[in-house]
Amino acid sequence: MDRVMSSYLAWWLNHPQSQAKLIRDVARGTYIPFISKGELDAFLVALPALAVQARESIASARSGLPPARNTSP
């Protein structure tokens, strides 16, 4: 199993591109979309090296904005 920093995972899941993909491909419900634990477990997350995860997490924390991405979630 690959390692993931919790701050990177939080950033990735909250990134607008990831949110759009989750809503488009996985979420159910009309008023309040939800995702089951099983569906979330099966959702693939782009997982770069730990150094890249740290850089993305730090950059987003400083700016409050999602950093530019060259890969889509």
PDB file of N, CA and C in Angstrom:
ATOM      1  N   MET A   1       0.843  -1.190   0.000  1.00  0.00           N
ATOM      2  CA  MET A   1       0.000   0.000   0.000  1.00  0.00           C
ATOM      3  C   MET A   1       0.883   1.245   0.000  1.00  0.00           C
ATOM      4  N   ASP A   2       0.532   2.207  -0.842  1.00  0.00           N
ATOM      5  CA  ASP A   2       1.274   3.458  -0.902  1.00  0.00           C
ATOM      6  C   ASP A   2       0.946   4.315   0.311  1.00  0.00           C
ATOM      7  N   ARG A   3       1.878   5.187   0.649  1.00  0.00           N
ATOM      8  CA  ARG A   3       1.672   6.059   1.805  1.00  0.00           C
ATOM      9  C   ARG A   3       1.036   7.356   1.360  1.00  0.00           C
ATOM     10  N   VAL A   4       0.204   7.901   2.226  1.00  0.00           N
ATOM     11  CA  VAL A   4      -0.462   9.166   1.923  1.00  0.00           C
ATOM     12  C   VAL A   4      -0.445  10.043   3.165  1.00  0.00           C
ATOM     13  N   MET A   5      -0.151  11.324   2.964  1.00  0.00           N
ATOM     14  CA  MET A   5      -0.205  12.291   4.060  1.00  0.00           C
ATOM     15  C   MET A   5      -1.665  12.722   4.224  1.00  0.00           C
ATOM     16  N   SER A   6      -2.149  12.779   5.445  1.00  0.00           N
ATOM     17  CA  SER A   6      -3.549  13.151   5.669  1.00  0.00           C
ATOM     18  C   SER A   6      -3.854  14.547   5.134  1.00  0.00           C
ATOM     19  N   SER A   7      -2.893  15.477   5.234  1.00  0.00           N
ATOM     20  CA  SER A   7      -3.127  16.828   4.722  1.00  0.00           C
ATOM     21  C   SER A   7      -3.268  16.822   3.197  1.00  0.00           C
ATOM     22  N   TYR A   8      -2.498  15.964   2.523  1.00  0.00           N
ATOM     23  CA  TYR A   8      -2.613  15.848   1.066  1.00  0.00           C
ATOM     24  C   TYR A   8      -3.959  15.235   0.696  1.00  0.00           C
ATOM     25  N   LEU A   9      -4.360  14.187   1.397  1.00  0.00           N
ATOM     26  CA  LEU A   9      -5.634  13.541   1.100  1.00  0.00           C
ATOM     27  C   LEU A   9      -6.786  14.516   1.287  1.00  0.00           C
ATOM     28  N   ALA A  10      -6.743  15.295   2.363  1.00  0.00           N
ATOM     29  CA  ALA A  10      -7.781  16.306   2.594  1.00  0.00           C
ATOM     30  C   ALA A  10      -7.786  17.333   1.468  1.00  0.00           C
ATOM     31  N   TRP A  11      -6.587  17.804   1.077  1.00  0.00           N
ATOM     32  CA  TRP A  11      -6.487  18.762  -0.032  1.00  0.00           C
ATOM     33  C   TRP A  11      -7.053  18.156  -1.310  1.00  0.00           C
ATOM     34  N   TRP A  12      -6.677  16.910  -1.609  1.00  0.00           N
ATOM     35  CA  TRP A  12      -7.097  16.262  -2.845  1.00  0.00           C
ATOM     36  C   TRP A  12      -8.616  16.072  -2.874  1.00  0.00           C
ATOM     37  N   LEU A  13      -9.183  15.610  -1.776  1.00  0.00           N
ATOM     38  CA  LEU A  13     -10.630  15.375  -1.735  1.00  0.00           C
ATOM     39  C   LEU A  13     -11.427  16.673  -1.807  1.00  0.00           C
ATOM     40  N   ASN A  14     -10.860  17.767  -1.310  1.00  0.00           N
ATOM     41  CA  ASN A  14     -11.555  19.054  -1.326  1.00  0.00           C
ATOM     42  C   ASN A  14     -11.255  19.888  -2.560  1.00  0.00           C
ATOM     43  N   HIS A  15     -10.341  19.442  -3.407  1.00  0.00           N
ATOM     44  CA  HIS A  15      -9.993  20.173  -4.627  1.00  0.00           C
ATOM     45  C   HIS A  15     -11.232  20.221  -5.531  1.00  0.00           C
ATOM     46  N   PRO A  16     -11.493  21.362  -6.177  1.00  0.00           N
ATOM     47  CA  PRO A  16     -12.682  21.476  -7.036  1.00  0.00           C
ATOM     48  C   PRO A  16     -12.780  20.388  -8.114  1.00  0.00           C
ATOM     49  N   GLN A  17     -11.667  19.994  -8.708  1.00  0.00           N
ATOM     50  CA  GLN A  17     -11.715  18.931  -9.723  1.00  0.00           C
ATOM     51  C   GLN A  17     -12.123  17.590  -9.112  1.00  0.00           C
ATOM     52  N   SER A  18     -11.599  17.290  -7.922  1.00  0.00           N
ATOM     53  CA  SER A  18     -11.958  16.038  -7.254  1.00  0.00           C
ATOM     54  C   SER A  18     -13.414  16.061  -6.835  1.00  0.00           C
ATOM     55  N   GLN A  19     -13.877  17.204  -6.307  1.00  0.00           N
ATOM     56  CA  GLN A  19     -15.273  17.330  -5.896  1.00  0.00           C
ATOM     57  C   GLN A  19     -16.208  17.113  -7.089  1.00  0.00           C
ATOM     58  N   ALA A  20     -15.858  17.714  -8.222  1.00  0.00           N
ATOM     59  CA  ALA A  20     -16.696  17.550  -9.418  1.00  0.00           C
ATOM     60  C   ALA A  20     -16.747  16.095  -9.845  1.00  0.00           C
ATOM     61  N   LYS A  21     -15.601  15.405  -9.816  1.00  0.00           N
ATOM     62  CA  LYS A  21     -15.558  14.000 -10.202  1.00  0.00           C
ATOM     63  C   LYS A  21     -16.357  13.138  -9.226  1.00  0.00           C
ATOM     64  N   LEU A  22     -16.234  13.410  -7.933  1.00  0.00           N
ATOM     65  CA  LEU A  22     -17.002  12.653  -6.947  1.00  0.00           C
ATOM     66  C   LEU A  22     -18.504  12.835  -7.166  1.00  0.00           C
ATOM     67  N   ILE A  23     -18.920  14.065  -7.373  1.00  0.00           N
ATOM     68  CA  ILE A  23     -20.350  14.333  -7.571  1.00  0.00           C
ATOM     69  C   ILE A  23     -20.833  13.708  -8.875  1.00  0.00           C
ATOM     70  N   ARG A  24     -20.042  13.834  -9.934  1.00  0.00           N
ATOM     71  CA  ARG A  24     -20.429  13.315 -11.248  1.00  0.00           C
ATOM     72  C   ARG A  24     -20.456  11.789 -11.274  1.00  0.00           C
ATOM     73  N   ASP A  25     -19.449  11.154 -10.675  1.00  0.00           N
ATOM     74  CA  ASP A  25     -19.280   9.708 -10.842  1.00  0.00           C
ATOM     75  C   ASP A  25     -19.793   8.855  -9.686  1.00  0.00           C
ATOM     76  N   VAL A  26     -19.895   9.423  -8.492  1.00  0.00           N
ATOM     77  CA  VAL A  26     -20.144   8.572  -7.331  1.00  0.00           C
ATOM     78  C   VAL A  26     -21.351   9.006  -6.489  1.00  0.00           C
ATOM     79  N   ALA A  27     -21.499  10.293  -6.253  1.00  0.00           N
ATOM     80  CA  ALA A  27     -22.499  10.780  -5.295  1.00  0.00           C
ATOM     81  C   ALA A  27     -23.918  10.417  -5.714  1.00  0.00           C
ATOM     82  N   ARG A  28     -24.730  10.174  -4.694  1.00  0.00           N
ATOM     83  CA  ARG A  28     -26.154   9.916  -4.888  1.00  0.00           C
ATOM     84  C   ARG A  28     -26.934  10.919  -4.073  1.00  0.00           C
ATOM     85  N   GLY A  29     -28.163  11.113  -4.427  1.00  0.00           N
ATOM     86  CA  GLY A  29     -29.020  12.048  -3.718  1.00  0.00           C
ATOM     87  C   GLY A  29     -29.155  13.334  -4.516  1.00  0.00           C
ATOM     88  N   THR A  30     -30.271  14.004  -4.352  1.00  0.00           N
ATOM     89  CA  THR A  30     -30.501  15.228  -5.113  1.00  0.00           C
ATOM     90  C   THR A  30     -30.326  16.469  -4.262  1.00  0.00           C
ATOM     91  N   TYR A  31     -30.864  16.481  -3.067  1.00  0.00           N
ATOM     92  CA  TYR A  31     -30.780  17.669  -2.219  1.00  0.00           C
ATOM     93  C   TYR A  31     -29.418  17.756  -1.532  1.00  0.00           C
ATOM     94  N   ILE A  32     -29.020  16.665  -0.896  1.00  0.00           N
ATOM     95  CA  ILE A  32     -27.708  16.588  -0.251  1.00  0.00           C
ATOM     96  C   ILE A  32     -27.012  15.333  -0.778  1.00  0.00           C
ATOM     97  N   PRO A  33     -26.117  15.510  -1.754  1.00  0.00           N
ATOM     98  CA  PRO A  33     -25.421  14.337  -2.282  1.00  0.00           C
ATOM     99  C   PRO A  33     -24.602  13.642  -1.189  1.00  0.00           C
ATOM    100  N   PHE A  34     -24.554  12.325  -1.221  1.00  0.00           N
ATOM    101  CA  PHE A  34     -23.736  11.588  -0.259  1.00  0.00           C
ATOM    102  C   PHE A  34     -22.976  10.489  -0.964  1.00  0.00           C
ATOM    103  N   ILE A  35     -21.918  10.048  -0.313  1.00  0.00           N
ATOM    104  CA  ILE A  35     -21.074   8.973  -0.826  1.00  0.00           C
ATOM    105  C   ILE A  35     -20.906   7.960   0.293  1.00  0.00           C
ATOM    106  N   SER A  36     -21.185   6.701   0.003  1.00  0.00           N
ATOM    107  CA  SER A  36     -21.045   5.679   1.031  1.00  0.00           C
ATOM    108  C   SER A  36     -19.564   5.394   1.284  1.00  0.00           C
ATOM    109  N   LYS A  37     -19.264   4.799   2.415  1.00  0.00           N
ATOM    110  CA  LYS A  37     -17.884   4.449   2.742  1.00  0.00           C
ATOM    111  C   LYS A  37     -17.306   3.491   1.706  1.00  0.00           C
ATOM    112  N   GLY A  38     -18.085   2.522   1.275  1.00  0.00           N
ATOM    113  CA  GLY A  38     -17.627   1.568   0.267  1.00  0.00           C
ATOM    114  C   GLY A  38     -17.287   2.245  -1.051  1.00  0.00           C
ATOM    115  N   GLU A  39     -18.108   3.214  -1.452  1.00  0.00           N
ATOM    116  CA  GLU A  39     -17.836   3.949  -2.691  1.00  0.00           C
ATOM    117  C   GLU A  39     -16.577   4.805  -2.548  1.00  0.00           C
ATOM    118  N   LEU A  40     -16.415   5.416  -1.391  1.00  0.00           N
ATOM    119  CA  LEU A  40     -15.224   6.227  -1.156  1.00  0.00           C
ATOM    120  C   LEU A  40     -13.972   5.353  -1.112  1.00  0.00           C
ATOM    121  N   ASP A  41     -14.076   4.183  -0.511  1.00  0.00           N
ATOM    122  CA  ASP A  41     -12.947   3.240  -0.484  1.00  0.00           C
ATOM    123  C   ASP A  41     -12.513   2.846  -1.895  1.00  0.00           C
ATOM    124  N   ALA A  42     -13.472   2.726  -2.814  1.00  0.00           N
ATOM    125  CA  ALA A  42     -13.173   2.300  -4.174  1.00  0.00           C
ATOM    126  C   ALA A  42     -12.717   3.453  -5.074  1.00  0.00           C
ATOM    127  N   PHE A  43     -12.852   4.693  -4.607  1.00  0.00           N
ATOM    128  CA  PHE A  43     -12.492   5.857  -5.420  1.00  0.00           C
ATOM    129  C   PHE A  43     -10.978   5.978  -5.505  1.00  0.00           C
ATOM    130  N   LEU A  44     -10.455   6.124  -6.719  1.00  0.00           N
ATOM    131  CA  LEU A  44      -9.008   6.211  -6.918  1.00  0.00           C
ATOM    132  C   LEU A  44      -8.509   7.633  -6.684  1.00  0.00           C
ATOM    133  N   VAL A  45      -7.429   7.732  -5.913  1.00  0.00           N
ATOM    134  CA  VAL A  45      -6.817   9.020  -5.593  1.00  0.00           C
ATOM    135  C   VAL A  45      -5.431   9.066  -6.216  1.00  0.00           C
ATOM    136  N   ALA A  46      -5.143  10.169  -6.920  1.00  0.00           N
ATOM    137  CA  ALA A  46      -3.799  10.350  -7.475  1.00  0.00           C
ATOM    138  C   ALA A  46      -2.822  10.453  -6.311  1.00  0.00           C
ATOM    139  N   LEU A  47      -1.830   9.586  -6.266  1.00  0.00           N
ATOM    140  CA  LEU A  47      -0.939   9.515  -5.116  1.00  0.00           C
ATOM    141  C   LEU A  47       0.517   9.672  -5.545  1.00  0.00           C
ATOM    142  N   PRO A  48       1.021  10.925  -5.549  1.00  0.00           N
ATOM    143  CA  PRO A  48       2.416  11.155  -5.911  1.00  0.00           C
ATOM    144  C   PRO A  48       3.353  10.818  -4.750  1.00  0.00           C
ATOM    145  N   ALA A  49       4.636  11.008  -4.970  1.00  0.00           N
ATOM    146  CA  ALA A  49       5.635  10.779  -3.927  1.00  0.00           C
ATOM    147  C   ALA A  49       5.346  11.671  -2.715  1.00  0.00           C
ATOM    148  N   LEU A  50       5.812  11.247  -1.542  1.00  0.00           N
ATOM    149  CA  LEU A  50       5.555  12.012  -0.315  1.00  0.00           C
ATOM    150  C   LEU A  50       6.050  13.456  -0.401  1.00  0.00           C
ATOM    151  N   ALA A  51       7.176  13.693  -1.077  1.00  0.00           N
ATOM    152  CA  ALA A  51       7.699  15.057  -1.207  1.00  0.00           C
ATOM    153  C   ALA A  51       6.725  15.937  -1.994  1.00  0.00           C
ATOM    154  N   VAL A  52       6.111  15.383  -3.018  1.00  0.00           N
ATOM    155  CA  VAL A  52       5.129  16.131  -3.812  1.00  0.00           C
ATOM    156  C   VAL A  52       3.864  16.365  -2.989  1.00  0.00           C
ATOM    157  N   GLN A  53       3.444  15.358  -2.236  1.00  0.00           N
ATOM    158  CA  GLN A  53       2.278  15.521  -1.366  1.00  0.00           C
ATOM    159  C   GLN A  53       2.504  16.670  -0.384  1.00  0.00           C
ATOM    160  N   ALA A  54       3.682  16.714   0.210  1.00  0.00           N
ATOM    161  CA  ALA A  54       3.999  17.766   1.177  1.00  0.00           C
ATOM    162  C   ALA A  54       3.976  19.130   0.496  1.00  0.00           C
ATOM    163  N   ARG A  55       4.560  19.220  -0.689  1.00  0.00           N
ATOM    164  CA  ARG A  55       4.600  20.493  -1.416  1.00  0.00           C
ATOM    165  C   ARG A  55       3.185  20.975  -1.743  1.00  0.00           C
ATOM    166  N   GLU A  56       2.327  20.099  -2.231  1.00  0.00           N
ATOM    167  CA  GLU A  56       0.943  20.465  -2.559  1.00  0.00           C
ATOM    168  C   GLU A  56       0.193  20.918  -1.308  1.00  0.00           C
ATOM    169  N   SER A  57       0.363  20.189  -0.210  1.00  0.00           N
ATOM    170  CA  SER A  57      -0.328  20.514   1.035  1.00  0.00           C
ATOM    171  C   SER A  57       0.105  21.868   1.575  1.00  0.00           C
ATOM    172  N   ILE A  58       1.403  22.127   1.568  1.00  0.00           N
ATOM    173  CA  ILE A  58       1.935  23.396   2.078  1.00  0.00           C
ATOM    174  C   ILE A  58       1.486  24.548   1.193  1.00  0.00           C
ATOM    175  N   ALA A  59       1.568  24.374  -0.119  1.00  0.00           N
ATOM    176  CA  ALA A  59       1.180  25.445  -1.046  1.00  0.00           C
ATOM    177  C   ALA A  59      -0.289  25.801  -0.885  1.00  0.00           C
ATOM    178  N   SER A  60      -1.136  24.818  -0.738  1.00  0.00           N
ATOM    179  CA  SER A  60      -2.561  25.109  -0.616  1.00  0.00           C
ATOM    180  C   SER A  60      -2.883  25.736   0.735  1.00  0.00           C
ATOM    181  N   ALA A  61      -2.175  25.337   1.782  1.00  0.00           N
ATOM    182  CA  ALA A  61      -2.407  25.914   3.106  1.00  0.00           C
ATOM    183  C   ALA A  61      -1.999  27.389   3.137  1.00  0.00           C
ATOM    184  N   ARG A  62      -0.923  27.727   2.450  1.00  0.00           N
ATOM    185  CA  ARG A  62      -0.448  29.114   2.431  1.00  0.00           C
ATOM    186  C   ARG A  62      -1.345  30.024   1.618  1.00  0.00           C
ATOM    187  N   SER A  63      -1.808  29.548   0.498  1.00  0.00           N
ATOM    188  CA  SER A  63      -2.560  30.408  -0.411  1.00  0.00           C
ATOM    189  C   SER A  63      -4.065  30.361  -0.193  1.00  0.00           C
ATOM    190  N   GLY A  64      -4.538  29.258   0.362  1.00  0.00           N
ATOM    191  CA  GLY A  64      -5.972  29.084   0.505  1.00  0.00           C
ATOM    192  C   GLY A  64      -6.643  28.691  -0.806  1.00  0.00           C
ATOM    193  N   LEU A  65      -5.857  28.545  -1.849  1.00  0.00           N
ATOM    194  CA  LEU A  65      -6.366  28.167  -3.160  1.00  0.00           C
ATOM    195  C   LEU A  65      -5.737  26.851  -3.594  1.00  0.00           C
ATOM    196  N   PRO A  66      -6.431  26.095  -4.441  1.00  0.00           N
ATOM    197  CA  PRO A  66      -5.823  24.854  -4.923  1.00  0.00           C
ATOM    198  C   PRO A  66      -4.671  25.164  -5.868  1.00  0.00           C
ATOM    199  N   PRO A  67      -3.523  24.531  -5.680  1.00  0.00           N
ATOM    200  CA  PRO A  67      -2.401  24.723  -6.600  1.00  0.00           C
ATOM    201  C   PRO A  67      -2.744  24.188  -7.982  1.00  0.00           C
ATOM    202  N   ALA A  68      -2.038  24.669  -8.975  1.00  0.00           N
ATOM    203  CA  ALA A  68      -2.219  24.168 -10.332  1.00  0.00           C
ATOM    204  C   ALA A  68      -1.887  22.695 -10.368  1.00  0.00           C
ATOM    205  N   ARG A  69      -2.613  21.942 -11.165  1.00  0.00           N
ATOM    206  CA  ARG A  69      -2.391  20.505 -11.246  1.00  0.00           C
ATOM    207  C   ARG A  69      -2.142  20.133 -12.686  1.00  0.00           C
ATOM    208  N   ASN A  70      -1.225  19.218 -12.879  1.00  0.00           N
ATOM    209  CA  ASN A  70      -0.980  18.740 -14.234  1.00  0.00           C
ATOM    210  C   ASN A  70      -1.536  17.349 -14.449  1.00  0.00           C
ATOM    211  N   THR A  71      -2.239  16.822 -13.447  1.00  0.00           N
ATOM    212  CA  THR A  71      -2.953  15.552 -13.613  1.00  0.00           C
ATOM    213  C   THR A  71      -4.332  15.732 -13.036  1.00  0.00           C
ATOM    214  N   SER A  72      -5.319  15.167 -13.667  1.00  0.00           N
ATOM    215  CA  SER A  72      -6.673  15.263 -13.145  1.00  0.00           C
ATOM    216  C   SER A  72      -6.919  14.128 -12.184  1.00  0.00           C
ATOM    217  N   PRO A  73      -7.768  14.354 -11.191  1.00  0.00           N
ATOM    218  CA  PRO A  73      -8.060  13.306 -10.212  1.00  0.00           C
ATOM    219  C   PRO A  73      -8.844  12.167 -10.809  1.00  0.00           C
TER     220      PRO A  73
END
